[in-house]
Protein backbone atom coordinates (compact mmCIF):
# COMPACT_ATOMS: atom_id res chain seq x y z
CA MET A 1 -186.08 93.03 -92.89
CA THR A 2 -188.32 93.25 -95.95
CA TRP A 3 -190.67 96.20 -96.29
CA ILE A 4 -193.88 96.05 -98.29
CA VAL A 5 -195.37 98.91 -100.27
CA TYR A 6 -199.06 98.23 -100.80
CA ILE A 7 -202.12 99.72 -102.44
CA LEU A 8 -205.56 99.11 -100.95
CA GLU A 9 -208.84 99.63 -102.74
CA CYS A 10 -211.40 101.12 -100.37
CA ALA A 11 -215.16 100.69 -100.38
CA ASP A 12 -215.56 104.02 -102.20
CA THR A 13 -213.15 102.69 -104.91
CA SER A 14 -210.43 105.12 -103.84
CA LEU A 15 -206.86 103.85 -103.57
CA TYR A 16 -204.68 104.08 -100.47
CA THR A 17 -200.91 103.52 -100.54
CA GLY A 18 -198.86 102.61 -97.48
CA ILE A 19 -195.88 100.64 -96.20
CA THR A 20 -195.42 97.97 -93.56
CA ASN A 21 -193.14 95.13 -92.57
CA ASP A 22 -196.13 92.93 -91.60
CA LEU A 23 -198.95 93.16 -94.14
CA ALA A 24 -201.40 90.84 -92.36
CA ARG A 25 -201.10 92.81 -89.12
CA ARG A 26 -201.36 96.16 -90.93
CA LEU A 27 -204.50 95.06 -92.80
CA GLU A 28 -206.13 94.03 -89.53
CA VAL A 29 -205.33 97.46 -88.08
CA HIS A 30 -206.87 99.13 -91.17
CA ARG A 31 -209.97 96.94 -90.97
CA THR A 32 -210.56 97.83 -87.32
CA GLY A 33 -210.42 101.55 -88.14
CA ARG A 34 -207.10 102.21 -86.43
CA GLY A 35 -204.80 102.05 -89.47
CA ALA A 36 -204.90 105.50 -91.00
CA LYS A 37 -207.18 108.49 -90.92
CA TYR A 38 -207.81 108.06 -94.66
CA THR A 39 -209.02 104.45 -94.40
CA LYS A 40 -210.91 104.80 -91.12
CA HIS A 41 -214.26 105.55 -92.77
CA ARG A 42 -213.52 104.17 -96.22
CA CYS A 43 -213.34 100.53 -95.11
CA PRO A 44 -210.49 99.05 -97.15
CA LEU A 45 -211.79 96.16 -99.18
CA ARG A 46 -208.74 94.46 -100.59
CA VAL A 47 -205.06 94.62 -101.34
CA ARG A 48 -204.63 95.46 -105.02
CA TYR A 49 -200.84 95.74 -105.24
CA THR A 50 -197.73 94.78 -103.27
CA GLU A 51 -194.10 95.52 -103.88
CA TYR A 52 -191.14 94.50 -101.73
CA GLN A 53 -188.24 96.73 -100.72
CA ARG A 54 -185.10 95.89 -98.74
CA THR A 55 -185.06 98.97 -96.51
CA LYS A 56 -187.59 101.22 -94.86
CA GLY A 57 -186.04 104.20 -96.66
CA ALA A 58 -186.51 102.54 -100.04
CA ALA A 59 -190.12 101.67 -99.14
CA LEU A 60 -190.85 105.24 -98.04
CA ALA A 61 -189.37 106.61 -101.28
CA ARG A 62 -191.41 104.19 -103.39
CA GLU A 63 -194.57 104.97 -101.40
CA ALA A 64 -194.05 108.69 -102.10
CA ALA A 65 -193.48 107.97 -105.79
CA ILE A 66 -196.68 105.91 -106.03
CA LYS A 67 -198.70 108.51 -104.14
CA SER A 68 -197.60 111.12 -106.68
CA LEU A 69 -198.99 109.08 -109.58
CA ALA A 70 -202.32 109.87 -111.18
CA ARG A 71 -205.11 107.40 -110.48
CA SER A 72 -204.84 106.04 -114.04
CA GLU A 73 -201.12 105.38 -113.49
CA LYS A 74 -201.83 103.58 -110.21
CA LEU A 75 -204.42 101.43 -111.97
CA ALA A 76 -201.86 100.60 -114.66
CA LEU A 77 -199.40 99.59 -111.94
CA ILE A 78 -202.07 97.38 -110.38
CA ALA A 79 -202.92 95.84 -113.76
CA ALA A 80 -199.28 94.87 -114.22
CA GLN A 81 -199.53 92.78 -111.02
CA PRO A 82 -203.17 91.63 -110.77
CA THR A 83 -202.74 89.19 -107.88
CA PRO A 84 -200.82 90.40 -104.81
CA ARG A 85 -198.48 87.78 -103.39
CA LEU A 86 -196.94 87.44 -99.95
CA HIS A 87 -193.47 86.00 -99.68
CA GLY A 88 -192.77 84.46 -96.36
């Protein structure tokens, strides 16, 4: 199973990082206010970054690494991959 590490840009321009194995389903959950406490009132606008990992453990480790980055570093990561792609 492929795991996806993603960064969302919220309506307040903040960035949220998470993982999932079904990005479309997870985005729908975020958009309905049931995805995460952080995004519930920030209304995620769009996916800004995706990265694929082979295991849940690898995805969790990468999520933690991204969350520890400064905002400027996250924006640099996003700039390196401007258009998120889904592989199906």
